[in-house]
N, C-alpha and C. Protein backbone atom coordinates (compact mmCIF):
# COMPACT_ATOMS: atom_id res chain seq x y z
N UNK A 1 99.15 103.73 115.24
CA UNK A 1 98.93 102.71 114.25
C UNK A 1 98.99 101.36 114.95
N UNK A 2 98.01 100.52 114.66
CA UNK A 2 97.96 99.22 115.33
C UNK A 2 98.97 98.24 114.71
N UNK A 3 99.27 97.22 115.46
CA UNK A 3 100.23 96.21 115.01
C UNK A 3 99.74 95.52 113.73
N UNK A 4 98.46 95.26 113.65
CA UNK A 4 97.89 94.62 112.46
C UNK A 4 98.08 95.50 111.23
N UNK A 5 97.87 96.80 111.39
CA UNK A 5 98.06 97.73 110.27
C UNK A 5 99.51 97.77 109.83
N UNK A 6 100.43 97.79 110.78
CA UNK A 6 101.87 97.80 110.47
C UNK A 6 102.25 96.54 109.69
N UNK A 7 101.77 95.39 110.13
CA UNK A 7 102.08 94.13 109.45
C UNK A 7 101.49 94.12 108.05
N UNK A 8 100.25 94.57 107.91
CA UNK A 8 99.59 94.59 106.60
C UNK A 8 100.34 95.51 105.62
N UNK A 9 100.76 96.67 106.08
CA UNK A 9 101.50 97.59 105.21
C UNK A 9 102.84 96.99 104.82
N UNK A 10 103.53 96.36 105.78
CA UNK A 10 104.81 95.74 105.46
C UNK A 10 104.65 94.62 104.43
N UNK A 11 103.62 93.80 104.59
CA UNK A 11 103.38 92.70 103.65
C UNK A 11 103.10 93.24 102.25
N UNK A 12 102.32 94.30 102.15
CA UNK A 12 102.06 94.91 100.85
C UNK A 12 103.34 95.43 100.21
N UNK A 13 104.15 96.13 100.98
CA UNK A 13 105.42 96.64 100.46
C UNK A 13 106.32 95.48 100.06
N UNK A 14 106.33 94.40 100.84
CA UNK A 14 107.17 93.24 100.54
C UNK A 14 106.77 92.61 99.21
N UNK A 15 105.47 92.41 98.99
CA UNK A 15 105.01 91.78 97.76
C UNK A 15 105.31 92.65 96.54
N UNK A 16 105.08 93.95 96.66
CA UNK A 16 105.37 94.84 95.54
C UNK A 16 106.86 94.82 95.23
N UNK A 17 107.68 94.83 96.27
CA UNK A 17 109.13 94.77 96.09
C UNK A 17 109.54 93.44 95.47
N UNK A 18 108.91 92.34 95.86
CA UNK A 18 109.23 91.03 95.29
C UNK A 18 109.04 91.04 93.78
N UNK A 19 107.92 91.60 93.31
CA UNK A 19 107.67 91.62 91.87
C UNK A 19 108.65 92.53 91.15
N UNK A 20 109.21 93.51 91.84
CA UNK A 20 110.24 94.35 91.23
C UNK A 20 111.59 93.63 91.20
N UNK A 21 111.87 92.78 92.19
CA UNK A 21 113.17 92.12 92.31
C UNK A 21 113.24 90.83 91.47
N UNK A 22 112.13 90.16 91.24
CA UNK A 22 112.15 88.87 90.55
C UNK A 22 112.90 88.87 89.21
N UNK A 23 112.77 89.90 88.37
CA UNK A 23 113.48 89.84 87.09
C UNK A 23 114.98 90.10 87.17
N UNK A 24 115.51 90.50 88.30
CA UNK A 24 116.93 90.83 88.41
C UNK A 24 117.80 89.62 88.13
N UNK A 25 118.71 89.75 87.20
CA UNK A 25 119.70 88.72 86.94
C UNK A 25 119.18 87.45 86.30
N UNK A 26 117.99 87.48 85.74
CA UNK A 26 117.42 86.27 85.14
C UNK A 26 118.00 86.09 83.74
N UNK A 27 118.52 84.91 83.50
CA UNK A 27 118.98 84.51 82.16
C UNK A 27 118.18 83.30 81.75
N UNK A 28 117.56 83.39 80.60
CA UNK A 28 116.75 82.27 80.13
C UNK A 28 117.64 81.13 79.66
N UNK A 29 117.03 79.96 79.48
CA UNK A 29 117.77 78.81 78.97
C UNK A 29 118.27 79.10 77.56
N UNK A 30 117.49 79.84 76.81
CA UNK A 30 117.90 80.18 75.44
C UNK A 30 119.14 81.08 75.46
N UNK A 31 119.17 82.07 76.36
CA UNK A 31 120.32 82.98 76.45
C UNK A 31 121.58 82.27 76.94
N UNK A 32 121.41 81.36 77.87
CA UNK A 32 122.58 80.69 78.44
C UNK A 32 123.02 79.46 77.64
N UNK A 33 122.16 79.00 76.74
CA UNK A 33 122.50 77.84 75.92
C UNK A 33 122.34 76.51 76.62
N UNK A 34 121.72 76.49 77.79
CA UNK A 34 121.53 75.26 78.56
C UNK A 34 120.06 74.87 78.51
N UNK A 35 119.69 74.07 77.50
CA UNK A 35 118.30 73.64 77.37
C UNK A 35 118.07 72.34 78.12
N UNK A 36 116.94 72.27 78.80
CA UNK A 36 116.53 71.02 79.43
C UNK A 36 115.31 70.51 78.69
N UNK A 37 115.27 69.23 78.44
CA UNK A 37 114.16 68.64 77.69
C UNK A 37 112.85 68.86 78.43
N UNK A 38 111.83 69.24 77.66
CA UNK A 38 110.50 69.40 78.22
C UNK A 38 110.25 70.74 78.89
N UNK A 39 111.18 71.68 78.79
CA UNK A 39 110.98 73.00 79.38
C UNK A 39 110.95 74.05 78.29
N UNK A 40 110.38 75.16 78.61
CA UNK A 40 110.32 76.29 77.68
C UNK A 40 111.70 76.95 77.59
N UNK A 41 112.14 77.33 76.40
CA UNK A 41 113.44 77.99 76.28
C UNK A 41 113.52 79.32 77.04
N UNK A 42 112.36 79.93 77.32
CA UNK A 42 112.35 81.20 78.06
C UNK A 42 112.38 81.03 79.56
N UNK A 43 112.36 79.77 80.03
CA UNK A 43 112.42 79.52 81.47
C UNK A 43 113.81 79.86 82.00
N UNK A 44 113.88 80.33 83.25
CA UNK A 44 115.19 80.67 83.81
C UNK A 44 116.12 79.47 83.85
N UNK A 45 117.39 79.70 83.54
CA UNK A 45 118.39 78.63 83.58
C UNK A 45 118.80 78.32 85.01
N UNK A 46 118.95 79.36 85.83
CA UNK A 46 119.35 79.20 87.23
C UNK A 46 118.34 79.93 88.10
N UNK A 47 117.82 79.23 89.09
CA UNK A 47 116.84 79.84 89.99
C UNK A 47 117.57 80.35 91.23
N UNK A 48 117.45 81.61 91.49
CA UNK A 48 118.07 82.22 92.68
C UNK A 48 116.99 82.77 93.60
N UNK A 49 115.98 81.94 93.86
CA UNK A 49 114.80 82.40 94.59
C UNK A 49 115.16 82.84 96.01
N UNK A 50 115.98 82.07 96.72
CA UNK A 50 116.29 82.42 98.11
C UNK A 50 117.05 83.74 98.19
N UNK A 51 117.96 83.96 97.24
CA UNK A 51 118.69 85.22 97.21
C UNK A 51 117.74 86.39 96.93
N UNK A 52 116.79 86.18 96.02
CA UNK A 52 115.83 87.23 95.70
C UNK A 52 114.89 87.51 96.87
N UNK A 53 114.54 86.47 97.61
CA UNK A 53 113.70 86.68 98.80
C UNK A 53 114.47 87.48 99.86
N UNK A 54 115.75 87.22 99.99
CA UNK A 54 116.57 87.99 100.92
C UNK A 54 116.66 89.45 100.49
N UNK A 55 116.95 89.68 99.21
CA UNK A 55 117.00 91.06 98.69
C UNK A 55 115.66 91.76 98.88
N UNK A 56 114.58 91.04 98.61
CA UNK A 56 113.24 91.61 98.77
C UNK A 56 113.01 92.03 100.21
N UNK A 57 113.37 91.18 101.14
CA UNK A 57 113.17 91.49 102.56
C UNK A 57 114.00 92.70 102.98
N UNK A 58 115.25 92.76 102.54
CA UNK A 58 116.11 93.90 102.89
C UNK A 58 115.57 95.21 102.30
N UNK A 59 115.23 95.20 101.03
CA UNK A 59 114.75 96.41 100.37
C UNK A 59 113.40 96.84 100.95
N UNK A 60 112.49 95.89 101.16
CA UNK A 60 111.18 96.21 101.72
C UNK A 60 111.32 96.77 103.14
N UNK A 61 112.27 96.26 103.91
CA UNK A 61 112.48 96.77 105.27
C UNK A 61 112.98 98.20 105.24
N UNK A 62 113.86 98.51 104.31
CA UNK A 62 114.36 99.89 104.19
C UNK A 62 113.22 100.83 103.78
N UNK A 63 112.44 100.43 102.79
CA UNK A 63 111.32 101.25 102.34
C UNK A 63 110.32 101.45 103.46
N UNK A 64 109.97 100.35 104.14
CA UNK A 64 109.01 100.44 105.24
C UNK A 64 109.55 101.33 106.37
N UNK A 65 110.83 101.16 106.69
CA UNK A 65 111.44 101.97 107.74
C UNK A 65 111.39 103.45 107.41
N UNK A 66 111.68 103.80 106.16
CA UNK A 66 111.63 105.21 105.75
C UNK A 66 110.21 105.75 105.84
N UNK A 67 109.24 104.98 105.37
CA UNK A 67 107.85 105.43 105.43
C UNK A 67 107.35 105.51 106.87
N UNK A 68 107.73 104.56 107.70
CA UNK A 68 107.32 104.58 109.10
C UNK A 68 107.94 105.77 109.83
N UNK A 69 109.19 106.05 109.54
CA UNK A 69 109.86 107.22 110.12
C UNK A 69 109.14 108.50 109.71
N UNK A 70 108.82 108.61 108.42
CA UNK A 70 108.12 109.81 107.93
C UNK A 70 106.74 109.93 108.57
N UNK A 71 106.05 108.81 108.76
CA UNK A 71 104.72 108.85 109.36
C UNK A 71 104.79 109.23 110.84
N UNK A 72 105.72 108.63 111.59
CA UNK A 72 105.79 108.91 113.03
C UNK A 72 106.30 110.31 113.34
N UNK A 73 107.07 110.90 112.42
CA UNK A 73 107.59 112.26 112.62
C UNK A 73 106.69 113.32 111.98
N UNK A 74 105.53 112.89 111.49
CA UNK A 74 104.56 113.78 110.83
C UNK A 74 105.19 114.53 109.65
N UNK A 75 106.09 113.88 108.93
CA UNK A 75 106.66 114.48 107.74
C UNK A 75 105.69 114.42 106.57
N UNK A 76 104.75 113.48 106.64
CA UNK A 76 103.66 113.39 105.66
C UNK A 76 102.37 113.69 106.41
N UNK A 77 101.79 114.87 106.21
CA UNK A 77 100.58 115.23 106.96
C UNK A 77 99.40 114.32 106.60
N UNK A 78 98.61 113.98 107.60
CA UNK A 78 97.47 113.09 107.41
C UNK A 78 96.46 113.70 106.44
N UNK A 79 96.27 115.00 106.49
CA UNK A 79 95.34 115.67 105.57
C UNK A 79 95.74 115.49 104.11
N UNK A 80 97.03 115.50 103.85
CA UNK A 80 97.54 115.28 102.50
C UNK A 80 97.20 113.87 102.03
N UNK A 81 97.38 112.88 102.90
CA UNK A 81 97.05 111.50 102.55
C UNK A 81 95.56 111.34 102.27
N UNK A 82 94.72 112.04 103.04
CA UNK A 82 93.29 111.99 102.80
C UNK A 82 92.94 112.59 101.44
N UNK A 83 93.58 113.72 101.10
CA UNK A 83 93.28 114.38 99.83
C UNK A 83 93.69 113.52 98.63
N UNK A 84 94.84 112.88 98.68
CA UNK A 84 95.28 112.12 97.52
C UNK A 84 94.60 110.76 97.42
N UNK A 85 93.92 110.32 98.47
CA UNK A 85 93.25 109.02 98.42
C UNK A 85 91.80 109.13 97.97
N UNK A 86 91.30 110.35 97.80
CA UNK A 86 89.90 110.54 97.36
C UNK A 86 89.86 110.72 95.85
N UNK A 87 88.70 110.38 95.25
CA UNK A 87 88.58 110.59 93.81
C UNK A 87 88.61 112.08 93.49
N UNK A 88 89.06 112.43 92.28
CA UNK A 88 89.13 113.84 91.93
C UNK A 88 87.74 114.47 91.86
N UNK A 89 87.66 115.75 92.20
CA UNK A 89 86.39 116.48 92.14
C UNK A 89 86.25 117.07 90.76
N UNK A 90 85.02 116.94 90.21
CA UNK A 90 84.84 117.51 88.87
C UNK A 90 83.94 118.72 88.90
């Protein structure tokens, strides 16, 4: 697997993980009772973006490491990946 492919797969896993992590621990201004003028009540009261980016990086690295380990040890056969990536036969 080329370096470019490894980076592309990691970036995809990272972005998917980010969208899974973003809602963690979010409390809206309405829930917390801290309204700021000119903002939507559903907007987050406290932004923990840097913490979420750290969690995303850690989780994505674990997922990528597990998948890379499985790929390099041939635990997932290439033929299986080819079969599941093709459209179903009718």
